[in-house]
Amino acid sequence: MFEDKTMVADTLTGINGELMRFGEMIPQTENKELKTTLKQFRAACEQSQEELYQIAREKSYYVPASKATQEEVEHVKGLFTGGTL
């Protein structure tokens, strides 16, 4: 039998996959109506993801990584602005 933690993790994984697919589809369509519909679906997925994330945090199913230091943030910014990537 599935545990709540497993079900939440599996659902979040599925939602993340859907968000990736929407991110791929949206820029590839020229049909404005379809593009708008896909964006609406993506927004609904993002809302579901946020709600599940909050539940996972409240129940300690998910513990986020520690926050990046200012030095780490500056390093990543430098990668993007310095043309390294």
C-alpha atoms as a PDB file:
ATOM      1  CA  MET A   1       0.000   0.000   0.000  1.00  0.00           C
ATOM      2  CA  PHE A   2       1.256   3.460  -0.891  1.00  0.00           C
ATOM      3  CA  GLU A   3       2.187   5.890   1.811  1.00  0.00           C
ATOM      4  CA  ASP A   4       1.055   9.512   1.641  1.00  0.00           C
ATOM      5  CA  LYS A   5       4.667  10.640   1.224  1.00  0.00           C
ATOM      6  CA  THR A   6       5.140   8.376  -1.802  1.00  0.00           C
ATOM      7  CA  MET A   7       1.894   9.497  -3.396  1.00  0.00           C
ATOM      8  CA  VAL A   8       2.759  13.189  -2.962  1.00  0.00           C
ATOM      9  CA  ALA A   9       6.252  12.638  -4.386  1.00  0.00           C
ATOM     10  CA  ASP A  10       4.902  10.681  -7.365  1.00  0.00           C
ATOM     11  CA  THR A  11       2.266  13.327  -8.052  1.00  0.00           C
ATOM     12  CA  LEU A  12       4.831  16.125  -7.900  1.00  0.00           C
ATOM     13  CA  THR A  13       7.052  14.198 -10.303  1.00  0.00           C
ATOM     14  CA  GLY A  14       4.135  13.849 -12.721  1.00  0.00           C
ATOM     15  CA  ILE A  15       3.236  17.528 -12.493  1.00  0.00           C
ATOM     16  CA  ASN A  16       6.863  18.516 -13.073  1.00  0.00           C
ATOM     17  CA  GLY A  17       6.885  16.360 -16.202  1.00  0.00           C
ATOM     18  CA  GLU A  18       3.725  18.030 -17.464  1.00  0.00           C
ATOM     19  CA  LEU A  19       5.234  21.469 -16.851  1.00  0.00           C
ATOM     20  CA  MET A  20       8.270  20.489 -18.898  1.00  0.00           C
ATOM     21  CA  ARG A  21       6.034  19.333 -21.745  1.00  0.00           C
ATOM     22  CA  PHE A  22       4.024  22.566 -21.685  1.00  0.00           C
ATOM     23  CA  GLY A  23       7.310  24.469 -21.745  1.00  0.00           C
ATOM     24  CA  GLU A  24       8.251  22.588 -24.899  1.00  0.00           C
ATOM     25  CA  MET A  25       4.865  22.857 -26.628  1.00  0.00           C
ATOM     26  CA  ILE A  26       3.985  26.503 -26.020  1.00  0.00           C
ATOM     27  CA  PRO A  27       6.782  28.080 -28.053  1.00  0.00           C
ATOM     28  CA  GLN A  28       6.321  25.567 -30.877  1.00  0.00           C
ATOM     29  CA  THR A  29       2.718  26.380 -31.737  1.00  0.00           C
ATOM     30  CA  GLU A  30       1.713  29.210 -34.028  1.00  0.00           C
ATOM     31  CA  ASN A  31      -1.994  28.879 -33.196  1.00  0.00           C
ATOM     32  CA  LYS A  32      -2.689  31.710 -30.732  1.00  0.00           C
ATOM     33  CA  GLU A  33      -5.811  30.049 -29.306  1.00  0.00           C
ATOM     34  CA  LEU A  34      -3.930  26.808 -28.664  1.00  0.00           C
ATOM     35  CA  LYS A  35      -1.014  28.737 -27.180  1.00  0.00           C
ATOM     36  CA  THR A  36      -3.386  30.539 -24.788  1.00  0.00           C
ATOM     37  CA  THR A  37      -5.028  27.254 -23.786  1.00  0.00           C
ATOM     38  CA  LEU A  38      -1.659  25.606 -23.137  1.00  0.00           C
ATOM     39  CA  LYS A  39      -0.607  28.580 -21.008  1.00  0.00           C
ATOM     40  CA  GLN A  40      -3.813  28.224 -18.978  1.00  0.00           C
ATOM     41  CA  PHE A  41      -3.111  24.517 -18.458  1.00  0.00           C
ATOM     42  CA  ARG A  42       0.460  25.336 -17.451  1.00  0.00           C
ATOM     43  CA  ALA A  43      -0.762  27.903 -14.922  1.00  0.00           C
ATOM     44  CA  ALA A  44      -3.161  25.343 -13.421  1.00  0.00           C
ATOM     45  CA  CYS A  45      -0.304  22.818 -13.179  1.00  0.00           C
ATOM     46  CA  GLU A  46       1.903  25.397 -11.491  1.00  0.00           C
ATOM     47  CA  GLN A  47      -0.848  26.109  -8.967  1.00  0.00           C
ATOM     48  CA  SER A  48      -1.268  22.392  -8.231  1.00  0.00           C
ATOM     49  CA  GLN A  49       2.477  22.003  -7.887  1.00  0.00           C
ATOM     50  CA  GLU A  50       2.646  24.878  -5.395  1.00  0.00           C
ATOM     51  CA  GLU A  51      -0.238  23.472  -3.331  1.00  0.00           C
ATOM     52  CA  LEU A  52       1.321  20.002  -3.187  1.00  0.00           C
ATOM     53  CA  TYR A  53       4.715  21.498  -2.384  1.00  0.00           C
ATOM     54  CA  GLN A  54       3.182  23.349   0.588  1.00  0.00           C
ATOM     55  CA  ILE A  55       1.520  20.147   1.821  1.00  0.00           C
ATOM     56  CA  ALA A  56       4.803  18.252   1.461  1.00  0.00           C
ATOM     57  CA  ARG A  57       6.649  20.927   3.455  1.00  0.00           C
ATOM     58  CA  GLU A  58       3.992  21.047   6.183  1.00  0.00           C
ATOM     59  CA  LYS A  59       4.159  17.271   6.642  1.00  0.00           C
ATOM     60  CA  SER A  60       7.983  17.238   6.373  1.00  0.00           C
ATOM     61  CA  TYR A  61       7.776  15.019   3.279  1.00  0.00           C
ATOM     62  CA  TYR A  62      10.045  17.500   1.568  1.00  0.00           C
ATOM     63  CA  VAL A  63      12.836  19.466   3.133  1.00  0.00           C
ATOM     64  CA  PRO A  64      14.311  22.052   0.762  1.00  0.00           C
ATOM     65  CA  ALA A  65      18.031  22.431   0.353  1.00  0.00           C
ATOM     66  CA  SER A  66      19.718  25.129   2.367  1.00  0.00           C
ATOM     67  CA  LYS A  67      19.652  28.595   0.870  1.00  0.00           C
ATOM     68  CA  ALA A  68      22.501  29.596  -1.380  1.00  0.00           C
ATOM     69  CA  THR A  69      25.085  31.938   0.011  1.00  0.00           C
ATOM     70  CA  GLN A  70      25.516  35.341  -1.590  1.00  0.00           C
ATOM     71  CA  GLU A  71      28.831  34.112  -2.998  1.00  0.00           C
ATOM     72  CA  GLU A  72      27.094  31.161  -4.686  1.00  0.00           C
ATOM     73  CA  VAL A  73      24.405  33.439  -6.112  1.00  0.00           C
ATOM     74  CA  GLU A  74      27.026  35.798  -7.518  1.00  0.00           C
ATOM     75  CA  HIS A  75      28.928  32.882  -9.035  1.00  0.00           C
ATOM     76  CA  VAL A  76      25.843  31.620 -10.896  1.00  0.00           C
ATOM     77  CA  LYS A  77      24.966  35.138 -12.039  1.00  0.00           C
ATOM     78  CA  GLY A  78      28.490  35.462 -13.351  1.00  0.00           C
ATOM     79  CA  LEU A  79      28.113  32.269 -15.377  1.00  0.00           C
ATOM     80  CA  PHE A  80      25.085  33.685 -17.150  1.00  0.00           C
ATOM     81  CA  THR A  81      26.324  37.218 -17.634  1.00  0.00           C
ATOM     82  CA  GLY A  82      29.922  36.322 -18.387  1.00  0.00           C
ATOM     83  CA  GLY A  83      29.106  34.200 -21.401  1.00  0.00           C
ATOM     84  CA  THR A  84      30.438  31.028 -19.782  1.00  0.00           C
ATOM     85  CA  LEU A  85      27.264  29.055 -20.507  1.00  0.00           C
END
